[in-house]
Amino acid sequence: MSKPKLVIAAGLAAVLLGSLGVTAFATDSPQVIAAVGIAGETLDSGLSDRVETLLRTDIGLVGSRFRVHSKSGIVTLGGSVPDEHSLRRALDLASSVHGVREVLNALEIDSAK
């Protein structure tokens, strides 16, 4: 196996083992460390996109504005919602997305309405 393929395989193994809860992985290769970092950012971006799509397409959240950020399966919801019911719905929906480990609430209730 060539060195670039080995680096990619090691990076993917680290990501897969990390998602299974296996966190012991040691390397001193900068290429492997970079590959794992890029894979983690890609997973976080995809998770944020899935959560944001779900929230923006839910009929019960019309009139809400969302900012979604995720890091290592922890999703932070920001923005504003029209009422308490919408806030709870957004948090529940976000937590139902596969890959979300925890949801942090930074939403505000828009009192102007």
N, C-alpha and C. Protein backbone atom coordinates (compact mmCIF):
# COMPACT_ATOMS: atom_id res chain seq x y z
N MET A 1 0.86 -1.17 0.00
CA MET A 1 0.00 0.00 0.00
C MET A 1 0.90 1.23 0.00
N SER A 2 0.61 2.20 -0.86
CA SER A 2 1.45 3.38 -0.93
C SER A 2 1.23 4.26 0.30
N LYS A 3 2.19 5.14 0.54
CA LYS A 3 2.14 5.98 1.75
C LYS A 3 0.90 6.88 1.79
N PRO A 4 0.50 7.56 0.70
CA PRO A 4 -0.70 8.40 0.75
C PRO A 4 -1.96 7.58 1.08
N LYS A 5 -2.06 6.39 0.50
CA LYS A 5 -3.22 5.55 0.79
C LYS A 5 -3.21 5.09 2.24
N LEU A 6 -2.02 4.82 2.76
CA LEU A 6 -1.89 4.40 4.15
C LEU A 6 -2.30 5.54 5.09
N VAL A 7 -1.92 6.75 4.75
CA VAL A 7 -2.28 7.92 5.56
C VAL A 7 -3.79 8.10 5.58
N ILE A 8 -4.42 7.98 4.41
CA ILE A 8 -5.87 8.12 4.32
C ILE A 8 -6.56 7.01 5.10
N ALA A 9 -6.08 5.79 4.96
CA ALA A 9 -6.67 4.66 5.68
C ALA A 9 -6.55 4.85 7.18
N ALA A 10 -5.41 5.33 7.65
CA ALA A 10 -5.21 5.56 9.08
C ALA A 10 -6.14 6.65 9.58
N GLY A 11 -6.31 7.70 8.78
CA GLY A 11 -7.21 8.79 9.16
C GLY A 11 -8.65 8.31 9.25
N LEU A 12 -9.09 7.55 8.27
CA LEU A 12 -10.45 7.02 8.30
C LEU A 12 -10.66 6.07 9.47
N ALA A 13 -9.65 5.27 9.77
CA ALA A 13 -9.75 4.36 10.91
C ALA A 13 -9.90 5.15 12.21
N ALA A 14 -9.17 6.24 12.32
CA ALA A 14 -9.26 7.07 13.52
C ALA A 14 -10.65 7.65 13.66
N VAL A 15 -11.21 8.14 12.57
CA VAL A 15 -12.56 8.71 12.61
C VAL A 15 -13.58 7.65 12.97
N LEU A 16 -13.49 6.50 12.34
CA LEU A 16 -14.44 5.42 12.61
C LEU A 16 -14.33 4.93 14.05
N LEU A 17 -13.12 4.74 14.52
CA LEU A 17 -12.94 4.29 15.90
C LEU A 17 -13.42 5.35 16.88
N GLY A 18 -13.20 6.61 16.55
CA GLY A 18 -13.69 7.69 17.41
C GLY A 18 -15.20 7.72 17.49
N SER A 19 -15.87 7.44 16.38
CA SER A 19 -17.33 7.44 16.39
C SER A 19 -17.88 6.24 17.14
N LEU A 20 -17.07 5.21 17.30
CA LEU A 20 -17.49 4.04 18.08
C LEU A 20 -17.15 4.19 19.55
N GLY A 21 -16.55 5.29 19.92
CA GLY A 21 -16.20 5.52 21.31
C GLY A 21 -14.79 5.08 21.65
N VAL A 22 -14.05 4.60 20.68
CA VAL A 22 -12.66 4.21 20.92
C VAL A 22 -11.81 5.44 20.69
N THR A 23 -11.22 5.94 21.74
CA THR A 23 -10.49 7.21 21.62
C THR A 23 -8.99 7.06 21.68
N ALA A 24 -8.48 5.88 21.97
CA ALA A 24 -7.03 5.70 22.06
C ALA A 24 -6.47 5.49 20.66
N PHE A 25 -5.82 6.49 20.14
CA PHE A 25 -5.21 6.43 18.83
C PHE A 25 -3.99 7.33 18.87
N ALA A 26 -2.85 6.78 18.66
CA ALA A 26 -1.62 7.56 18.76
C ALA A 26 -0.89 7.56 17.43
N THR A 27 -0.43 8.73 17.05
CA THR A 27 0.37 8.85 15.84
C THR A 27 1.18 10.13 15.95
N ASP A 28 2.29 10.15 15.26
CA ASP A 28 3.07 11.37 15.20
C ASP A 28 3.15 11.88 13.76
N SER A 29 2.35 11.28 12.88
CA SER A 29 2.36 11.67 11.48
C SER A 29 1.50 12.90 11.26
N PRO A 30 2.08 14.00 10.80
CA PRO A 30 1.29 15.21 10.55
C PRO A 30 0.20 14.99 9.50
N GLN A 31 0.46 14.08 8.54
CA GLN A 31 -0.55 13.83 7.51
C GLN A 31 -1.78 13.16 8.10
N VAL A 32 -1.57 12.21 9.01
CA VAL A 32 -2.71 11.53 9.65
C VAL A 32 -3.48 12.51 10.51
N ILE A 33 -2.76 13.33 11.26
CA ILE A 33 -3.42 14.32 12.12
C ILE A 33 -4.24 15.28 11.28
N ALA A 34 -3.71 15.73 10.15
CA ALA A 34 -4.45 16.63 9.27
C ALA A 34 -5.66 15.94 8.67
N ALA A 35 -5.52 14.66 8.27
CA ALA A 35 -6.63 13.93 7.68
C ALA A 35 -7.76 13.75 8.68
N VAL A 36 -7.41 13.45 9.93
CA VAL A 36 -8.44 13.29 10.96
C VAL A 36 -9.14 14.62 11.21
N GLY A 37 -8.39 15.72 11.24
CA GLY A 37 -8.98 17.04 11.44
C GLY A 37 -9.94 17.41 10.32
N ILE A 38 -9.56 17.16 9.09
CA ILE A 38 -10.42 17.46 7.94
C ILE A 38 -11.67 16.61 7.97
N ALA A 39 -11.53 15.33 8.30
CA ALA A 39 -12.70 14.44 8.36
C ALA A 39 -13.66 14.90 9.45
N GLY A 40 -13.15 15.34 10.58
CA GLY A 40 -14.00 15.82 11.66
C GLY A 40 -14.75 17.08 11.27
N GLU A 41 -14.08 18.00 10.57
CA GLU A 41 -14.74 19.22 10.12
C GLU A 41 -15.83 18.90 9.12
N THR A 42 -15.60 17.93 8.24
CA THR A 42 -16.60 17.53 7.26
C THR A 42 -17.82 16.94 7.95
N LEU A 43 -17.60 16.09 8.96
CA LEU A 43 -18.72 15.51 9.70
C LEU A 43 -19.51 16.60 10.42
N ASP A 44 -18.82 17.56 11.04
CA ASP A 44 -19.50 18.66 11.73
C ASP A 44 -20.31 19.51 10.76
N SER A 45 -19.75 19.78 9.60
CA SER A 45 -20.46 20.58 8.60
C SER A 45 -21.71 19.86 8.12
N GLY A 46 -21.60 18.57 7.87
CA GLY A 46 -22.76 17.79 7.43
C GLY A 46 -23.83 17.73 8.49
N LEU A 47 -23.42 17.59 9.75
CA LEU A 47 -24.37 17.55 10.85
C LEU A 47 -25.09 18.88 10.98
N SER A 48 -24.36 19.98 10.91
CA SER A 48 -24.97 21.31 10.96
C SER A 48 -25.98 21.49 9.83
N ASP A 49 -25.60 21.05 8.64
CA ASP A 49 -26.49 21.17 7.47
C ASP A 49 -27.78 20.38 7.68
N ARG A 50 -27.67 19.15 8.20
CA ARG A 50 -28.87 18.32 8.41
C ARG A 50 -29.80 18.94 9.45
N VAL A 51 -29.23 19.45 10.52
CA VAL A 51 -30.04 20.08 11.58
C VAL A 51 -30.71 21.34 11.03
N GLU A 52 -29.93 22.17 10.35
CA GLU A 52 -30.49 23.42 9.83
C GLU A 52 -31.59 23.17 8.81
N THR A 53 -31.41 22.20 7.94
CA THR A 53 -32.43 21.86 6.95
C THR A 53 -33.71 21.41 7.63
N LEU A 54 -33.59 20.57 8.64
CA LEU A 54 -34.77 20.09 9.36
C LEU A 54 -35.51 21.24 10.02
N LEU A 55 -34.78 22.14 10.66
CA LEU A 55 -35.41 23.27 11.35
C LEU A 55 -36.07 24.23 10.36
N ARG A 56 -35.39 24.52 9.27
CA ARG A 56 -35.93 25.50 8.31
C ARG A 56 -37.12 24.96 7.52
N THR A 57 -37.26 23.66 7.43
CA THR A 57 -38.38 23.10 6.66
C THR A 57 -39.54 22.66 7.54
N ASP A 58 -39.43 22.81 8.85
CA ASP A 58 -40.51 22.40 9.74
C ASP A 58 -41.58 23.49 9.78
N ILE A 59 -42.81 23.11 9.50
CA ILE A 59 -43.93 24.07 9.43
C ILE A 59 -44.20 24.72 10.79
N GLY A 60 -43.88 24.03 11.86
CA GLY A 60 -44.11 24.58 13.20
C GLY A 60 -43.11 25.64 13.60
N LEU A 61 -42.10 25.87 12.78
CA LEU A 61 -41.07 26.85 13.12
C LEU A 61 -41.04 28.04 12.16
N VAL A 62 -42.15 28.26 11.48
CA VAL A 62 -42.25 29.40 10.56
C VAL A 62 -42.05 30.68 11.36
N GLY A 63 -41.26 31.59 10.84
CA GLY A 63 -40.99 32.85 11.51
C GLY A 63 -39.75 32.80 12.39
N SER A 64 -39.09 31.67 12.42
CA SER A 64 -37.87 31.52 13.21
C SER A 64 -36.64 31.78 12.35
N ARG A 65 -35.57 32.22 12.97
CA ARG A 65 -34.29 32.41 12.29
C ARG A 65 -33.26 31.60 13.07
N PHE A 66 -32.49 30.79 12.36
CA PHE A 66 -31.56 29.89 13.02
C PHE A 66 -30.13 30.08 12.56
N ARG A 67 -29.21 29.89 13.51
CA ARG A 67 -27.79 29.71 13.25
C ARG A 67 -27.44 28.39 13.91
N VAL A 68 -26.83 27.50 13.16
CA VAL A 68 -26.50 26.17 13.68
C VAL A 68 -25.00 25.96 13.57
N HIS A 69 -24.41 25.56 14.67
CA HIS A 69 -22.98 25.25 14.70
C HIS A 69 -22.80 23.91 15.40
N SER A 70 -21.92 23.07 14.86
CA SER A 70 -21.68 21.79 15.54
C SER A 70 -20.19 21.52 15.63
N LYS A 71 -19.83 20.85 16.69
CA LYS A 71 -18.44 20.44 16.91
C LYS A 71 -18.47 19.14 17.70
N SER A 72 -17.96 18.10 17.09
CA SER A 72 -17.88 16.78 17.74
C SER A 72 -19.23 16.27 18.21
N GLY A 73 -20.27 16.53 17.43
CA GLY A 73 -21.60 16.03 17.77
C GLY A 73 -22.37 16.92 18.72
N ILE A 74 -21.78 18.01 19.16
CA ILE A 74 -22.47 18.96 20.04
C ILE A 74 -22.94 20.11 19.17
N VAL A 75 -24.26 20.28 19.11
CA VAL A 75 -24.88 21.27 18.23
C VAL A 75 -25.33 22.47 19.07
N THR A 76 -24.97 23.66 18.62
CA THR A 76 -25.42 24.88 19.27
C THR A 76 -26.41 25.57 18.34
N LEU A 77 -27.61 25.83 18.86
CA LEU A 77 -28.64 26.54 18.10
C LEU A 77 -28.68 27.99 18.55
N GLY A 78 -28.56 28.89 17.61
CA GLY A 78 -28.66 30.31 17.88
C GLY A 78 -29.72 30.91 16.98
N GLY A 79 -30.04 32.17 17.22
CA GLY A 79 -31.05 32.86 16.43
C GLY A 79 -32.24 33.20 17.28
N SER A 80 -33.41 33.30 16.64
CA SER A 80 -34.61 33.68 17.38
C SER A 80 -35.82 32.86 16.92
N VAL A 81 -36.72 32.66 17.85
CA VAL A 81 -37.98 31.94 17.61
C VAL A 81 -39.12 32.81 18.15
N PRO A 82 -40.34 32.63 17.62
CA PRO A 82 -41.44 33.51 18.03
C PRO A 82 -41.97 33.26 19.44
N ASP A 83 -41.84 32.03 19.95
CA ASP A 83 -42.43 31.74 21.27
C ASP A 83 -41.74 30.54 21.93
N GLU A 84 -42.14 30.27 23.18
CA GLU A 84 -41.56 29.18 23.96
C GLU A 84 -41.79 27.82 23.29
N HIS A 85 -42.98 27.62 22.73
CA HIS A 85 -43.29 26.36 22.06
C HIS A 85 -42.32 26.11 20.90
N SER A 86 -42.04 27.13 20.12
CA SER A 86 -41.11 27.00 18.99
C SER A 86 -39.70 26.70 19.48
N LEU A 87 -39.32 27.31 20.59
CA LEU A 87 -38.00 27.06 21.15
C LEU A 87 -37.86 25.58 21.53
N ARG A 88 -38.84 25.07 22.24
CA ARG A 88 -38.79 23.66 22.65
C ARG A 88 -38.82 22.73 21.43
N ARG A 89 -39.63 23.07 20.43
CA ARG A 89 -39.71 22.25 19.23
C ARG A 89 -38.37 22.20 18.50
N ALA A 90 -37.71 23.35 18.38
CA ALA A 90 -36.41 23.41 17.70
C ALA A 90 -35.38 22.56 18.44
N LEU A 91 -35.36 22.64 19.75
CA LEU A 91 -34.42 21.83 20.53
C LEU A 91 -34.71 20.34 20.38
N ASP A 92 -35.99 19.98 20.42
CA ASP A 92 -36.36 18.57 20.26
C ASP A 92 -36.00 18.04 18.88
N LEU A 93 -36.29 18.82 17.86
CA LEU A 93 -35.97 18.39 16.49
C LEU A 93 -34.47 18.24 16.30
N ALA A 94 -33.71 19.20 16.79
CA ALA A 94 -32.25 19.13 16.64
C ALA A 94 -31.69 17.90 17.34
N SER A 95 -32.21 17.58 18.50
CA SER A 95 -31.69 16.43 19.24
C SER A 95 -32.08 15.11 18.60
N SER A 96 -33.08 15.13 17.70
CA SER A 96 -33.51 13.90 17.05
C SER A 96 -32.66 13.52 15.84
N VAL A 97 -31.80 14.41 15.40
CA VAL A 97 -30.98 14.16 14.21
C VAL A 97 -29.86 13.17 14.56
N HIS A 98 -29.71 12.16 13.71
CA HIS A 98 -28.67 11.14 13.92
C HIS A 98 -27.29 11.79 13.94
N GLY A 99 -26.54 11.51 14.97
CA GLY A 99 -25.19 12.06 15.11
C GLY A 99 -25.10 13.17 16.13
N VAL A 100 -26.25 13.71 16.55
CA VAL A 100 -26.25 14.77 17.56
C VAL A 100 -26.16 14.13 18.93
N ARG A 101 -25.10 14.49 19.67
CA ARG A 101 -24.92 13.97 21.02
C ARG A 101 -25.54 14.88 22.06
N GLU A 102 -25.51 16.19 21.79
CA GLU A 102 -26.00 17.17 22.76
C GLU A 102 -26.42 18.42 22.00
N VAL A 103 -27.43 19.12 22.52
CA VAL A 103 -27.88 20.37 21.91
C VAL A 103 -27.73 21.48 22.95
N LEU A 104 -27.02 22.53 22.57
CA LEU A 104 -26.86 23.70 23.44
C LEU A 104 -27.79 24.79 22.94
N ASN A 105 -28.50 25.43 23.85
CA ASN A 105 -29.49 26.44 23.49
C ASN A 105 -28.92 27.85 23.59
N ALA A 106 -28.84 28.52 22.44
CA ALA A 106 -28.48 29.94 22.41
C ALA A 106 -29.58 30.70 21.69
N LEU A 107 -30.79 30.11 21.63
CA LEU A 107 -31.93 30.74 20.96
C LEU A 107 -32.55 31.79 21.87
N GLU A 108 -33.12 32.81 21.24
CA GLU A 108 -33.84 33.84 21.98
C GLU A 108 -35.28 33.88 21.48
N ILE A 109 -36.18 34.20 22.39
CA ILE A 109 -37.58 34.36 22.01
C ILE A 109 -37.76 35.81 21.56
N ASP A 110 -38.28 35.97 20.34
CA ASP A 110 -38.46 37.29 19.74
C ASP A 110 -39.68 37.95 20.37
N SER A 111 -39.46 38.88 21.25
CA SER A 111 -40.56 39.53 21.97
C SER A 111 -41.24 40.63 21.17
N ALA A 112 -40.75 40.94 19.98
CA ALA A 112 -41.33 41.99 19.15
C ALA A 112 -42.66 41.57 18.56
N LYS A 113 -42.95 40.28 18.57
CA LYS A 113 -44.19 39.80 17.94
C LYS A 113 -45.30 39.70 18.94
